[in-house]
N, C-alpha and C. Protein backbone atom coordinates (compact mmCIF):
# COMPACT_ATOMS: atom_id res chain seq x y z
N UNK A 1 0.83 -1.18 0.00
CA UNK A 1 0.00 0.00 0.00
C UNK A 1 0.88 1.24 0.00
N UNK A 2 0.57 2.20 -0.85
CA UNK A 2 1.43 3.37 -0.98
C UNK A 2 1.03 4.50 -0.04
N UNK A 3 -0.17 4.51 0.49
CA UNK A 3 -0.62 5.57 1.37
C UNK A 3 -1.15 6.79 0.63
N UNK A 4 -1.16 6.74 -0.67
CA UNK A 4 -1.66 7.86 -1.47
C UNK A 4 -3.13 7.66 -1.81
N UNK A 5 -3.81 8.78 -1.99
CA UNK A 5 -5.20 8.73 -2.41
C UNK A 5 -5.32 9.47 -3.74
N UNK A 6 -6.42 9.31 -4.38
CA UNK A 6 -6.67 9.98 -5.64
C UNK A 6 -7.38 11.32 -5.47
N UNK A 7 -7.56 11.74 -4.24
CA UNK A 7 -8.23 12.99 -3.96
C UNK A 7 -7.20 14.12 -4.07
N UNK A 8 -7.49 15.15 -4.88
CA UNK A 8 -6.52 16.25 -4.99
C UNK A 8 -6.40 17.02 -3.68
N UNK A 9 -5.21 17.52 -3.42
CA UNK A 9 -4.96 18.28 -2.19
C UNK A 9 -5.67 19.63 -2.24
N UNK A 10 -6.22 20.03 -1.11
CA UNK A 10 -6.89 21.32 -1.00
C UNK A 10 -6.12 22.13 0.03
N UNK A 11 -5.39 23.17 -0.40
CA UNK A 11 -4.61 23.94 0.56
C UNK A 11 -5.51 24.60 1.60
N UNK A 12 -5.06 24.58 2.84
CA UNK A 12 -5.80 25.21 3.93
C UNK A 12 -4.97 26.34 4.52
N UNK A 13 -5.66 27.36 5.01
CA UNK A 13 -5.04 28.48 5.69
C UNK A 13 -5.84 28.77 6.95
N UNK A 14 -5.27 29.54 7.86
CA UNK A 14 -5.94 29.89 9.10
C UNK A 14 -6.37 31.35 9.05
N UNK A 15 -7.62 31.61 9.38
CA UNK A 15 -8.15 32.97 9.46
C UNK A 15 -7.52 33.64 10.68
N UNK A 16 -6.94 34.84 10.47
CA UNK A 16 -6.31 35.52 11.60
C UNK A 16 -7.34 36.14 12.55
N UNK A 17 -8.61 36.16 12.15
CA UNK A 17 -9.66 36.69 13.02
C UNK A 17 -10.17 35.64 13.99
N UNK A 18 -10.77 34.60 13.46
CA UNK A 18 -11.40 33.58 14.31
C UNK A 18 -10.48 32.39 14.59
N UNK A 19 -9.31 32.34 13.91
CA UNK A 19 -8.32 31.27 14.08
C UNK A 19 -8.82 29.90 13.62
N UNK A 20 -9.83 29.85 12.77
CA UNK A 20 -10.31 28.59 12.22
C UNK A 20 -9.61 28.31 10.91
N UNK A 21 -9.36 27.04 10.64
CA UNK A 21 -8.76 26.65 9.37
C UNK A 21 -9.87 26.50 8.34
N UNK A 22 -9.55 26.92 7.12
CA UNK A 22 -10.53 26.83 6.03
C UNK A 22 -9.77 26.66 4.72
N UNK A 23 -10.49 26.26 3.69
CA UNK A 23 -9.88 26.13 2.37
C UNK A 23 -9.38 27.51 1.92
N UNK A 24 -8.24 27.51 1.29
CA UNK A 24 -7.62 28.76 0.87
C UNK A 24 -8.55 29.61 0.02
N UNK A 25 -9.35 28.97 -0.84
CA UNK A 25 -10.24 29.72 -1.73
C UNK A 25 -11.41 30.36 -0.99
N UNK A 26 -11.69 29.94 0.24
CA UNK A 26 -12.78 30.52 1.02
C UNK A 26 -12.36 31.74 1.82
N UNK A 27 -11.07 32.04 1.83
CA UNK A 27 -10.54 33.15 2.61
C UNK A 27 -10.05 34.26 1.70
N UNK A 28 -9.96 35.46 2.26
CA UNK A 28 -9.44 36.62 1.54
C UNK A 28 -8.00 36.83 1.99
N UNK A 29 -7.10 36.90 1.02
CA UNK A 29 -5.69 37.14 1.34
C UNK A 29 -5.46 38.64 1.42
N UNK A 30 -4.69 39.05 2.41
CA UNK A 30 -4.27 40.43 2.56
C UNK A 30 -2.76 40.43 2.37
N UNK A 31 -2.24 41.46 1.69
CA UNK A 31 -0.80 41.54 1.46
C UNK A 31 -0.31 42.94 1.73
N UNK A 32 0.97 43.05 2.02
CA UNK A 32 1.60 44.35 2.25
C UNK A 32 2.17 44.83 0.93
N UNK A 33 1.73 46.01 0.50
CA UNK A 33 2.25 46.64 -0.70
C UNK A 33 2.75 48.02 -0.29
N UNK A 34 4.05 48.19 -0.33
CA UNK A 34 4.63 49.44 0.17
C UNK A 34 4.41 49.52 1.67
N UNK A 35 3.69 50.56 2.10
CA UNK A 35 3.37 50.70 3.52
C UNK A 35 1.90 50.38 3.80
N UNK A 36 1.19 49.92 2.78
CA UNK A 36 -0.24 49.66 2.93
C UNK A 36 -0.55 48.17 2.95
N UNK A 37 -1.59 47.81 3.67
CA UNK A 37 -2.12 46.45 3.66
C UNK A 37 -3.34 46.48 2.75
N UNK A 38 -3.31 45.67 1.68
CA UNK A 38 -4.39 45.69 0.70
C UNK A 38 -4.96 44.29 0.49
N UNK A 39 -6.25 44.21 0.11
CA UNK A 39 -6.83 42.91 -0.22
C UNK A 39 -6.20 42.37 -1.49
N UNK A 40 -5.97 41.07 -1.53
CA UNK A 40 -5.36 40.41 -2.68
C UNK A 40 -6.27 39.28 -3.12
N UNK A 41 -7.32 39.62 -3.85
CA UNK A 41 -8.30 38.62 -4.29
C UNK A 41 -7.69 37.50 -5.12
N UNK A 42 -6.78 37.87 -6.01
CA UNK A 42 -6.20 36.87 -6.90
C UNK A 42 -5.09 36.06 -6.24
N UNK A 43 -4.58 36.54 -5.13
CA UNK A 43 -3.53 35.82 -4.42
C UNK A 43 -2.20 35.85 -5.13
N UNK A 44 -1.94 36.90 -5.89
CA UNK A 44 -0.72 36.96 -6.69
C UNK A 44 0.25 38.06 -6.27
N UNK A 45 -0.13 38.91 -5.33
CA UNK A 45 0.77 39.97 -4.89
C UNK A 45 1.96 39.37 -4.15
N UNK A 46 3.15 39.92 -4.38
CA UNK A 46 4.32 39.38 -3.69
C UNK A 46 4.34 39.81 -2.24
N UNK A 47 5.13 39.12 -1.47
CA UNK A 47 5.34 39.52 -0.09
C UNK A 47 4.50 38.74 0.90
N UNK A 48 4.59 39.18 2.10
CA UNK A 48 3.94 38.51 3.22
C UNK A 48 2.42 38.65 3.11
N UNK A 49 1.72 37.57 3.38
CA UNK A 49 0.27 37.59 3.31
C UNK A 49 -0.36 37.03 4.57
N UNK A 50 -1.62 37.38 4.77
CA UNK A 50 -2.41 36.85 5.87
C UNK A 50 -3.82 36.63 5.33
N UNK A 51 -4.54 35.71 5.94
CA UNK A 51 -5.85 35.33 5.44
C UNK A 51 -6.92 35.62 6.48
N UNK A 52 -8.09 36.05 5.99
CA UNK A 52 -9.22 36.34 6.86
C UNK A 52 -10.49 35.92 6.12
N UNK A 53 -11.49 35.46 6.88
CA UNK A 53 -12.77 35.12 6.25
C UNK A 53 -13.40 36.37 5.65
N UNK A 54 -14.19 36.19 4.64
CA UNK A 54 -14.89 37.31 3.99
C UNK A 54 -16.14 37.65 4.80
N UNK A 55 -15.94 37.89 6.07
CA UNK A 55 -17.02 38.15 7.01
C UNK A 55 -16.62 39.35 7.87
N UNK A 56 -17.46 40.38 7.93
CA UNK A 56 -17.11 41.55 8.75
C UNK A 56 -16.82 41.20 10.21
N UNK A 57 -17.46 40.17 10.74
CA UNK A 57 -17.21 39.79 12.13
C UNK A 57 -15.77 39.30 12.31
N UNK A 58 -15.25 38.55 11.36
CA UNK A 58 -13.86 38.08 11.45
C UNK A 58 -12.89 39.24 11.29
N UNK A 59 -13.22 40.19 10.44
CA UNK A 59 -12.37 41.36 10.26
C UNK A 59 -12.31 42.16 11.56
N UNK A 60 -13.47 42.39 12.18
CA UNK A 60 -13.52 43.11 13.45
C UNK A 60 -12.73 42.39 14.54
N UNK A 61 -12.86 41.06 14.56
CA UNK A 61 -12.15 40.27 15.55
C UNK A 61 -10.64 40.35 15.33
N UNK A 62 -10.21 40.32 14.09
CA UNK A 62 -8.78 40.43 13.78
C UNK A 62 -8.23 41.79 14.20
N UNK A 63 -9.00 42.85 13.99
CA UNK A 63 -8.57 44.18 14.40
C UNK A 63 -8.51 44.27 15.92
N UNK A 64 -9.54 43.74 16.59
CA UNK A 64 -9.59 43.79 18.05
C UNK A 64 -8.44 42.98 18.68
N UNK A 65 -8.08 41.86 18.06
CA UNK A 65 -7.00 41.02 18.57
C UNK A 65 -5.61 41.51 18.14
N UNK A 66 -5.56 42.57 17.33
CA UNK A 66 -4.31 43.11 16.77
C UNK A 66 -3.59 42.04 15.96
N UNK A 67 -4.34 41.23 15.27
CA UNK A 67 -3.78 40.12 14.50
C UNK A 67 -3.06 40.59 13.24
N UNK A 68 -3.50 41.70 12.66
CA UNK A 68 -2.84 42.18 11.44
C UNK A 68 -1.40 42.60 11.73
N UNK A 69 -1.18 43.31 12.82
CA UNK A 69 0.18 43.76 13.12
C UNK A 69 1.09 42.56 13.42
N UNK A 70 0.57 41.51 14.04
CA UNK A 70 1.38 40.32 14.27
C UNK A 70 1.66 39.58 12.96
N UNK A 71 0.62 39.45 12.14
CA UNK A 71 0.78 38.71 10.88
C UNK A 71 1.73 39.42 9.93
N UNK A 72 1.71 40.74 9.94
CA UNK A 72 2.57 41.50 9.03
C UNK A 72 3.81 42.05 9.73
N UNK A 73 4.09 41.53 10.92
CA UNK A 73 5.30 41.88 11.66
C UNK A 73 5.45 43.39 11.86
N UNK A 74 4.43 43.98 12.47
CA UNK A 74 4.52 45.38 12.87
C UNK A 74 4.08 46.40 11.85
N UNK A 75 3.50 45.99 10.75
CA UNK A 75 3.06 46.93 9.72
C UNK A 75 1.79 47.67 10.13
N UNK A 76 1.11 47.21 11.15
CA UNK A 76 -0.12 47.86 11.57
C UNK A 76 -1.33 47.25 10.89
N UNK A 77 -2.47 47.69 11.29
CA UNK A 77 -3.73 47.16 10.75
C UNK A 77 -4.20 48.02 9.58
N UNK A 78 -4.87 47.39 8.62
CA UNK A 78 -5.46 48.18 7.54
C UNK A 78 -6.66 48.95 8.08
N UNK A 79 -7.16 49.88 7.30
CA UNK A 79 -8.35 50.62 7.68
C UNK A 79 -9.52 49.62 7.71
N UNK A 80 -10.04 49.36 8.89
CA UNK A 80 -11.08 48.34 9.05
C UNK A 80 -12.35 48.71 8.28
N UNK A 81 -12.70 49.99 8.24
CA UNK A 81 -13.92 50.41 7.54
C UNK A 81 -13.77 50.16 6.03
N UNK A 82 -12.61 50.48 5.48
CA UNK A 82 -12.39 50.26 4.05
C UNK A 82 -12.38 48.78 3.73
N UNK A 83 -11.77 47.98 4.59
CA UNK A 83 -11.74 46.54 4.38
C UNK A 83 -13.14 45.94 4.46
N UNK A 84 -13.93 46.42 5.41
CA UNK A 84 -15.31 45.94 5.56
C UNK A 84 -16.13 46.28 4.32
N UNK A 85 -15.97 47.51 3.80
CA UNK A 85 -16.68 47.91 2.57
C UNK A 85 -16.27 47.02 1.40
N UNK A 86 -14.97 46.72 1.30
CA UNK A 86 -14.49 45.86 0.23
C UNK A 86 -15.13 44.48 0.29
N UNK A 87 -15.22 43.92 1.49
CA UNK A 87 -15.81 42.58 1.67
C UNK A 87 -17.31 42.62 1.34
N UNK A 88 -18.00 43.67 1.78
CA UNK A 88 -19.44 43.77 1.52
C UNK A 88 -19.73 43.96 0.04
N UNK A 89 -18.89 44.71 -0.66
CA UNK A 89 -19.09 44.93 -2.10
C UNK A 89 -18.79 43.67 -2.90
N UNK A 90 -17.82 42.87 -2.43
CA UNK A 90 -17.43 41.66 -3.14
C UNK A 90 -18.38 40.49 -2.87
N UNK A 91 -19.27 40.65 -1.87
CA UNK A 91 -20.20 39.55 -1.54
C UNK A 91 -21.17 39.35 -2.71
N UNK A 92 -21.46 38.07 -3.01
CA UNK A 92 -22.38 37.77 -4.13
C UNK A 92 -23.80 38.17 -3.88
C-alpha cells in the first residue's frame, strides 16, 4: 500500500480573526504593498500575506485582537472600515 489517495490536495489556511482553518479559496488574502495592507483577491501579490474570512465579524475580531500587526510583523492594521466595505461589495 502506498498511502496515497486519488483525492486532490486542497490547501488550507488559518483565518487571523477567528483562528479557524478553512480552504484557501474561502478566505481573503491580505498583502503588504509598500506601507499599505491591501486585499489580494487573486492571491498573486508578492510579499507577506495573511488570510481572513470574507465576514465583517472576522475582520472586526482580527482588528480587536491586533492580529494584522502580528501577521505583518509590525506593519499595523489596515483601515477596518475600508476593508469591511471591500468585503461587503465583493459579496455575491
